Amino acid sequence: MEKLTPQEEHAMQALWKLKEGGVVKDILETYPEPQPPYTTLASTMKNLEKKGYVKSRRYGNVYWYEPALSSESYSEKMLSGIIDNYFQSSYRSLVAFFAKNEKISRDDLEEIVKLIEKQK
């Protein structure tokens, strides 16, 4: 899937908050102030539809938008891309990076090990 711009990603986050989807006005109401102009968000939603991230249905003069993929699925795709591109497809390198830069504690690492062992 095509990478999202920050503006598109923000719109997707807002749409995911709505769970069942909504019209542009509903999506706009989830934004903090200052909100983008209605027409800007409407254009963003059309772009997201072209990229395959949302589906729409027309009701009269408005479009109802629904996510075409879950936030979890999007997160997995983006994280996989980061790991492939920056950590040579190695989760071990990712964890080592965070440990080296003191972004993950020993307790966190032990908890991760427990989760892994629990999966076996």
N, C-alpha and C. Protein backbone atom coordinates (compact mmCIF):
# COMPACT_ATOMS: atom_id res chain seq x y z
N MET A 1 0.83 -1.18 0.00
CA MET A 1 0.00 0.00 0.00
C MET A 1 0.88 1.25 0.00
N GLU A 2 0.35 2.28 -0.60
CA GLU A 2 1.06 3.55 -0.67
C GLU A 2 1.16 4.20 0.71
N LYS A 3 2.31 4.80 0.97
CA LYS A 3 2.54 5.46 2.26
C LYS A 3 1.62 6.67 2.41
N LEU A 4 1.18 6.92 3.64
CA LEU A 4 0.30 8.04 3.92
C LEU A 4 1.09 9.30 4.27
N THR A 5 0.54 10.43 3.90
CA THR A 5 1.10 11.71 4.34
C THR A 5 0.68 11.90 5.80
N PRO A 6 1.34 12.80 6.53
CA PRO A 6 0.91 13.06 7.92
C PRO A 6 -0.57 13.47 8.01
N GLN A 7 -1.02 14.26 7.06
CA GLN A 7 -2.42 14.70 7.03
C GLN A 7 -3.36 13.51 6.82
N GLU A 8 -2.99 12.62 5.93
CA GLU A 8 -3.81 11.42 5.68
C GLU A 8 -3.80 10.49 6.88
N GLU A 9 -2.64 10.35 7.50
CA GLU A 9 -2.56 9.49 8.68
C GLU A 9 -3.42 10.03 9.81
N HIS A 10 -3.43 11.34 9.98
CA HIS A 10 -4.26 11.96 11.01
C HIS A 10 -5.74 11.70 10.72
N ALA A 11 -6.14 11.80 9.46
CA ALA A 11 -7.53 11.53 9.07
C ALA A 11 -7.89 10.07 9.34
N MET A 12 -6.97 9.16 9.08
CA MET A 12 -7.23 7.74 9.35
C MET A 12 -7.38 7.50 10.85
N GLN A 13 -6.53 8.13 11.65
CA GLN A 13 -6.64 7.99 13.10
C GLN A 13 -8.02 8.46 13.57
N ALA A 14 -8.47 9.58 13.01
CA ALA A 14 -9.79 10.11 13.37
C ALA A 14 -10.89 9.15 12.95
N LEU A 15 -10.79 8.58 11.76
CA LEU A 15 -11.80 7.63 11.27
C LEU A 15 -11.82 6.37 12.12
N TRP A 16 -10.65 5.88 12.51
CA TRP A 16 -10.60 4.68 13.37
C TRP A 16 -11.26 4.94 14.72
N LYS A 17 -11.16 6.17 15.22
CA LYS A 17 -11.81 6.50 16.49
C LYS A 17 -13.33 6.35 16.40
N LEU A 18 -13.88 6.57 15.22
CA LEU A 18 -15.33 6.50 15.03
C LEU A 18 -15.84 5.06 14.96
N LYS A 19 -14.96 4.09 14.88
CA LYS A 19 -15.27 2.66 14.85
C LYS A 19 -16.07 2.25 13.61
N GLU A 20 -17.28 2.79 13.44
CA GLU A 20 -18.14 2.35 12.35
C GLU A 20 -18.10 3.28 11.15
N GLY A 21 -17.25 4.28 11.17
CA GLY A 21 -17.16 5.21 10.06
C GLY A 21 -18.01 6.44 10.29
N GLY A 22 -18.07 7.29 9.26
CA GLY A 22 -18.86 8.49 9.37
C GLY A 22 -18.70 9.39 8.16
N VAL A 23 -19.42 10.49 8.18
CA VAL A 23 -19.30 11.50 7.13
C VAL A 23 -18.18 12.46 7.52
N VAL A 24 -17.79 13.31 6.59
CA VAL A 24 -16.67 14.23 6.83
C VAL A 24 -16.91 15.06 8.09
N LYS A 25 -18.13 15.49 8.31
CA LYS A 25 -18.45 16.29 9.50
C LYS A 25 -18.15 15.51 10.79
N ASP A 26 -18.50 14.22 10.81
CA ASP A 26 -18.22 13.37 11.98
C ASP A 26 -16.71 13.25 12.21
N ILE A 27 -15.99 13.05 11.14
CA ILE A 27 -14.54 12.89 11.23
C ILE A 27 -13.91 14.20 11.72
N LEU A 28 -14.39 15.30 11.18
CA LEU A 28 -13.87 16.62 11.56
C LEU A 28 -14.08 16.90 13.04
N GLU A 29 -15.18 16.43 13.61
CA GLU A 29 -15.47 16.68 15.02
C GLU A 29 -14.51 15.96 15.97
N THR A 30 -13.79 14.95 15.48
CA THR A 30 -12.82 14.25 16.32
C THR A 30 -11.49 15.01 16.39
N TYR A 31 -11.29 15.98 15.51
CA TYR A 31 -10.06 16.77 15.46
C TYR A 31 -10.05 17.80 16.59
N PRO A 32 -8.88 18.01 17.19
CA PRO A 32 -8.76 19.12 18.15
C PRO A 32 -8.72 20.45 17.41
N GLU A 33 -8.92 21.52 18.13
CA GLU A 33 -8.80 22.86 17.53
C GLU A 33 -7.33 23.17 17.31
N PRO A 34 -6.95 23.84 16.29
CA PRO A 34 -7.77 24.31 15.19
C PRO A 34 -8.02 23.17 14.20
N GLN A 35 -9.25 22.98 13.82
CA GLN A 35 -9.61 21.94 12.86
C GLN A 35 -9.27 22.40 11.45
N PRO A 36 -8.94 21.43 10.58
CA PRO A 36 -8.70 21.81 9.18
C PRO A 36 -10.02 22.23 8.53
N PRO A 37 -9.96 22.96 7.44
CA PRO A 37 -11.20 23.29 6.74
C PRO A 37 -11.92 22.02 6.26
N TYR A 38 -13.22 22.08 6.23
CA TYR A 38 -14.06 20.95 5.79
C TYR A 38 -13.60 20.44 4.42
N THR A 39 -13.39 21.38 3.49
CA THR A 39 -13.03 20.97 2.12
C THR A 39 -11.67 20.28 2.07
N THR A 40 -10.76 20.70 2.92
CA THR A 40 -9.44 20.06 2.98
C THR A 40 -9.58 18.62 3.44
N LEU A 41 -10.38 18.41 4.50
CA LEU A 41 -10.58 17.05 4.99
C LEU A 41 -11.33 16.20 3.96
N ALA A 42 -12.30 16.79 3.28
CA ALA A 42 -13.04 16.05 2.24
C ALA A 42 -12.08 15.59 1.14
N SER A 43 -11.16 16.45 0.73
CA SER A 43 -10.16 16.08 -0.29
C SER A 43 -9.24 14.99 0.22
N THR A 44 -8.86 15.09 1.49
CA THR A 44 -8.00 14.07 2.10
C THR A 44 -8.70 12.71 2.09
N MET A 45 -9.99 12.71 2.41
CA MET A 45 -10.75 11.45 2.43
C MET A 45 -10.84 10.84 1.03
N LYS A 46 -11.01 11.67 0.01
CA LYS A 46 -11.02 11.17 -1.38
C LYS A 46 -9.67 10.57 -1.74
N ASN A 47 -8.59 11.23 -1.32
CA ASN A 47 -7.25 10.69 -1.58
C ASN A 47 -7.06 9.34 -0.90
N LEU A 48 -7.56 9.23 0.34
CA LEU A 48 -7.45 7.96 1.06
C LEU A 48 -8.23 6.87 0.36
N GLU A 49 -9.36 7.24 -0.22
CA GLU A 49 -10.15 6.25 -0.97
C GLU A 49 -9.39 5.80 -2.21
N LYS A 50 -8.78 6.74 -2.93
CA LYS A 50 -7.99 6.39 -4.12
C LYS A 50 -6.83 5.46 -3.78
N LYS A 51 -6.24 5.68 -2.59
CA LYS A 51 -5.11 4.85 -2.16
C LYS A 51 -5.56 3.51 -1.59
N GLY A 52 -6.87 3.33 -1.40
CA GLY A 52 -7.37 2.05 -0.90
C GLY A 52 -7.48 1.93 0.60
N TYR A 53 -7.33 3.02 1.33
CA TYR A 53 -7.39 2.98 2.79
C TYR A 53 -8.81 3.11 3.33
N VAL A 54 -9.70 3.72 2.55
CA VAL A 54 -11.09 3.87 2.98
C VAL A 54 -12.03 3.46 1.86
N LYS A 55 -13.24 3.10 2.25
CA LYS A 55 -14.33 2.81 1.32
C LYS A 55 -15.40 3.86 1.57
N SER A 56 -16.14 4.20 0.53
CA SER A 56 -17.21 5.17 0.73
C SER A 56 -18.50 4.71 0.06
N ARG A 57 -19.61 5.21 0.62
CA ARG A 57 -20.93 5.02 0.03
C ARG A 57 -21.58 6.39 -0.03
N ARG A 58 -22.23 6.65 -1.13
CA ARG A 58 -22.85 7.96 -1.30
C ARG A 58 -24.31 7.89 -0.85
N TYR A 59 -24.71 8.86 -0.04
CA TYR A 59 -26.09 9.03 0.40
C TYR A 59 -26.48 10.46 0.07
N GLY A 60 -27.20 10.64 -1.02
CA GLY A 60 -27.56 12.00 -1.43
C GLY A 60 -26.33 12.79 -1.79
N ASN A 61 -26.09 13.87 -1.04
CA ASN A 61 -24.94 14.74 -1.30
C ASN A 61 -23.74 14.45 -0.40
N VAL A 62 -23.83 13.44 0.44
CA VAL A 62 -22.72 13.16 1.36
C VAL A 62 -22.18 11.75 1.14
N TYR A 63 -20.94 11.58 1.56
CA TYR A 63 -20.29 10.27 1.49
C TYR A 63 -20.06 9.76 2.90
N TRP A 64 -20.38 8.49 3.10
CA TRP A 64 -20.12 7.79 4.35
C TRP A 64 -18.80 7.05 4.16
N TYR A 65 -17.84 7.31 5.02
CA TYR A 65 -16.51 6.70 4.90
C TYR A 65 -16.32 5.64 5.99
N GLU A 66 -15.71 4.53 5.58
CA GLU A 66 -15.34 3.45 6.50
C GLU A 66 -13.90 3.06 6.22
N PRO A 67 -13.16 2.69 7.26
CA PRO A 67 -11.79 2.22 7.04
C PRO A 67 -11.80 0.93 6.22
N ALA A 68 -10.88 0.82 5.29
CA ALA A 68 -10.74 -0.41 4.50
C ALA A 68 -9.80 -1.39 5.19
N LEU A 69 -9.07 -0.92 6.21
CA LEU A 69 -8.22 -1.79 7.01
C LEU A 69 -8.22 -1.28 8.45
N SER A 70 -7.93 -2.17 9.36
CA SER A 70 -7.92 -1.81 10.78
C SER A 70 -6.65 -1.05 11.14
N SER A 71 -6.70 -0.36 12.26
CA SER A 71 -5.51 0.36 12.71
C SER A 71 -4.39 -0.62 13.04
N GLU A 72 -4.77 -1.80 13.52
CA GLU A 72 -3.76 -2.82 13.84
C GLU A 72 -3.06 -3.31 12.58
N SER A 73 -3.83 -3.51 11.53
CA SER A 73 -3.26 -3.96 10.26
C SER A 73 -2.32 -2.90 9.68
N TYR A 74 -2.74 -1.63 9.76
CA TYR A 74 -1.91 -0.54 9.28
C TYR A 74 -0.61 -0.46 10.09
N SER A 75 -0.74 -0.54 11.42
CA SER A 75 0.44 -0.48 12.29
C SER A 75 1.42 -1.60 11.96
N GLU A 76 0.89 -2.80 11.74
CA GLU A 76 1.74 -3.95 11.41
C GLU A 76 2.50 -3.71 10.11
N LYS A 77 1.81 -3.19 9.09
CA LYS A 77 2.46 -2.93 7.80
C LYS A 77 3.54 -1.87 7.93
N MET A 78 3.24 -0.80 8.67
CA MET A 78 4.21 0.29 8.82
C MET A 78 5.42 -0.16 9.64
N LEU A 79 5.17 -0.89 10.72
CA LEU A 79 6.27 -1.36 11.55
C LEU A 79 7.14 -2.36 10.78
N SER A 80 6.51 -3.23 10.02
CA SER A 80 7.28 -4.17 9.21
C SER A 80 8.18 -3.44 8.22
N GLY A 81 7.65 -2.38 7.63
CA GLY A 81 8.45 -1.58 6.70
C GLY A 81 9.64 -0.94 7.38
N ILE A 82 9.43 -0.42 8.58
CA ILE A 82 10.52 0.21 9.34
C ILE A 82 11.58 -0.83 9.68
N ILE A 83 11.13 -1.98 10.13
CA ILE A 83 12.08 -3.04 10.51
C ILE A 83 12.86 -3.51 9.29
N ASP A 84 12.17 -3.69 8.16
CA ASP A 84 12.85 -4.12 6.94
C ASP A 84 13.85 -3.07 6.46
N ASN A 85 13.44 -1.79 6.48
CA ASN A 85 14.28 -0.73 5.91
C ASN A 85 15.40 -0.24 6.81
N TYR A 86 15.19 -0.27 8.12
CA TYR A 86 16.16 0.32 9.04
C TYR A 86 16.88 -0.69 9.94
N PHE A 87 16.35 -1.90 10.04
CA PHE A 87 16.94 -2.89 10.95
C PHE A 87 17.22 -4.22 10.25
N GLN A 88 17.42 -4.18 8.94
CA GLN A 88 17.76 -5.35 8.14
C GLN A 88 16.82 -6.53 8.42
N SER A 89 15.55 -6.24 8.56
CA SER A 89 14.50 -7.25 8.81
C SER A 89 14.71 -8.02 10.10
N SER A 90 15.40 -7.42 11.06
CA SER A 90 15.73 -8.10 12.30
C SER A 90 15.06 -7.42 13.50
N TYR A 91 14.15 -8.16 14.13
CA TYR A 91 13.53 -7.64 15.35
C TYR A 91 14.56 -7.56 16.47
N ARG A 92 15.52 -8.45 16.42
CA ARG A 92 16.60 -8.42 17.41
C ARG A 92 17.37 -7.10 17.34
N SER A 93 17.65 -6.65 16.11
CA SER A 93 18.33 -5.36 15.93
C SER A 93 17.47 -4.21 16.43
N LEU A 94 16.18 -4.31 16.24
CA LEU A 94 15.26 -3.27 16.73
C LEU A 94 15.32 -3.18 18.26
N VAL A 95 15.20 -4.32 18.92
CA VAL A 95 15.23 -4.33 20.39
C VAL A 95 16.60 -3.86 20.89
N ALA A 96 17.67 -4.31 20.23
CA ALA A 96 19.02 -3.89 20.62
C ALA A 96 19.17 -2.37 20.47
N PHE A 97 18.60 -1.81 19.42
CA PHE A 97 18.63 -0.36 19.22
C PHE A 97 17.99 0.37 20.39
N PHE A 98 16.81 -0.09 20.81
CA PHE A 98 16.12 0.56 21.92
C PHE A 98 16.87 0.36 23.24
N ALA A 99 17.44 -0.81 23.42
CA ALA A 99 18.19 -1.07 24.66
C ALA A 99 19.44 -0.19 24.70
N LYS A 100 20.14 -0.10 23.58
CA LYS A 100 21.36 0.70 23.50
C LYS A 100 21.07 2.18 23.77
N ASN A 101 19.95 2.66 23.29
CA ASN A 101 19.58 4.06 23.45
C ASN A 101 18.74 4.31 24.70
N GLU A 102 18.70 3.29 25.56
CA GLU A 102 18.01 3.38 26.85
C GLU A 102 16.55 3.80 26.71
N LYS A 103 15.90 3.28 25.68
CA LYS A 103 14.48 3.54 25.45
C LYS A 103 13.62 2.39 25.96
N ILE A 104 14.28 1.32 26.40
CA ILE A 104 13.58 0.17 26.94
C ILE A 104 14.33 -0.30 28.18
N SER A 105 13.59 -0.59 29.23
CA SER A 105 14.22 -0.97 30.49
C SER A 105 14.42 -2.48 30.57
N ARG A 106 15.22 -2.88 31.55
CA ARG A 106 15.46 -4.29 31.80
C ARG A 106 14.14 -4.99 32.15
N ASP A 107 13.30 -4.32 32.94
CA ASP A 107 12.00 -4.88 33.29
C ASP A 107 11.13 -5.10 32.05
N ASP A 108 11.17 -4.13 31.14
CA ASP A 108 10.42 -4.28 29.89
C ASP A 108 10.92 -5.48 29.09
N LEU A 109 12.23 -5.62 29.01
CA LEU A 109 12.81 -6.74 28.28
C LEU A 109 12.42 -8.08 28.92
N GLU A 110 12.45 -8.13 30.24
CA GLU A 110 12.06 -9.36 30.93
C GLU A 110 10.59 -9.68 30.67
N GLU A 111 9.76 -8.66 30.62
CA GLU A 111 8.34 -8.86 30.33
C GLU A 111 8.14 -9.37 28.90
N ILE A 112 8.93 -8.84 27.97
CA ILE A 112 8.87 -9.31 26.58
C ILE A 112 9.27 -10.78 26.50
N VAL A 113 10.34 -11.16 27.21
CA VAL A 113 10.78 -12.55 27.23
C VAL A 113 9.67 -13.45 27.77
N LYS A 114 8.99 -13.01 28.82
CA LYS A 114 7.89 -13.80 29.38
C LYS A 114 6.76 -13.97 28.38
N LEU A 115 6.46 -12.91 27.64
CA LEU A 115 5.42 -12.99 26.61
C LEU A 115 5.81 -13.98 25.52
N ILE A 116 7.08 -13.96 25.12
CA ILE A 116 7.57 -14.90 24.11
C ILE A 116 7.49 -16.33 24.59
N GLU A 117 7.93 -16.56 25.83
CA GLU A 117 7.89 -17.90 26.40
C GLU A 117 6.46 -18.40 26.55
N LYS A 118 5.56 -17.51 26.85
CA LYS A 118 4.15 -17.86 27.00
C LYS A 118 3.54 -18.33 25.66
N GLN A 119 4.07 -17.81 24.56
CA GLN A 119 3.59 -18.17 23.22
C GLN A 119 4.01 -19.59 22.82
N LYS A 120 5.05 -20.10 23.44
CA LYS A 120 5.59 -21.43 23.06
C LYS A 120 4.72 -22.55 23.54
